[in-house]
Amino acid sequence: MNPLIRIAERKISQAIEDGSLSFEKWKNKPLPLEDDHFVPADLKMAYKMLKNAGYLPPEIEAKKEIKRIEDLIAGTEDAHVRLKQMKKLNLLIMKVDAGRKIPTNLATQEDYYHKVVERVSLHSLKKDNCG
């Protein structure tokens, strides 16, 4: 038997005995499927290894940052902070588009952008009229 297999088996057995490896959560349940159908077949294993190590492709990181900024804009009351974040969001979207062969679909983001601008304008008008 291969020494590496023997070592792995011993480590697994030790983990089960001391309780640090619990498989009850997955017992009789299918493993969760990963949505990787957009990843080319020759890159799937590399992406999975990077993901398991805590690294993501730059475009995915950028999309997470876009989502974070959108949430920040939606939850911000201050018009100046909102405008600053919207500028940051536009810059980030332009960076993502510059790195792609085909631009991102901004139709949903554009609709969201117009709603935010309208809300900022309404808040500014209300403050001006009240003060």
Foldseek 3Di string as FASTA:
>chain_A
DDVVVVVVVVVVVVCVVVVVDDCPVCPPHDDDDDPCPVPDPVCPVVQVVCVVVPHHPPLVVLVVVLVVLLVVLVPDPDLVVNVVSVVVSVVSQVVSQVPDPHRDPCPVVVVSVVVSVVVSVVSVVVVVVVD
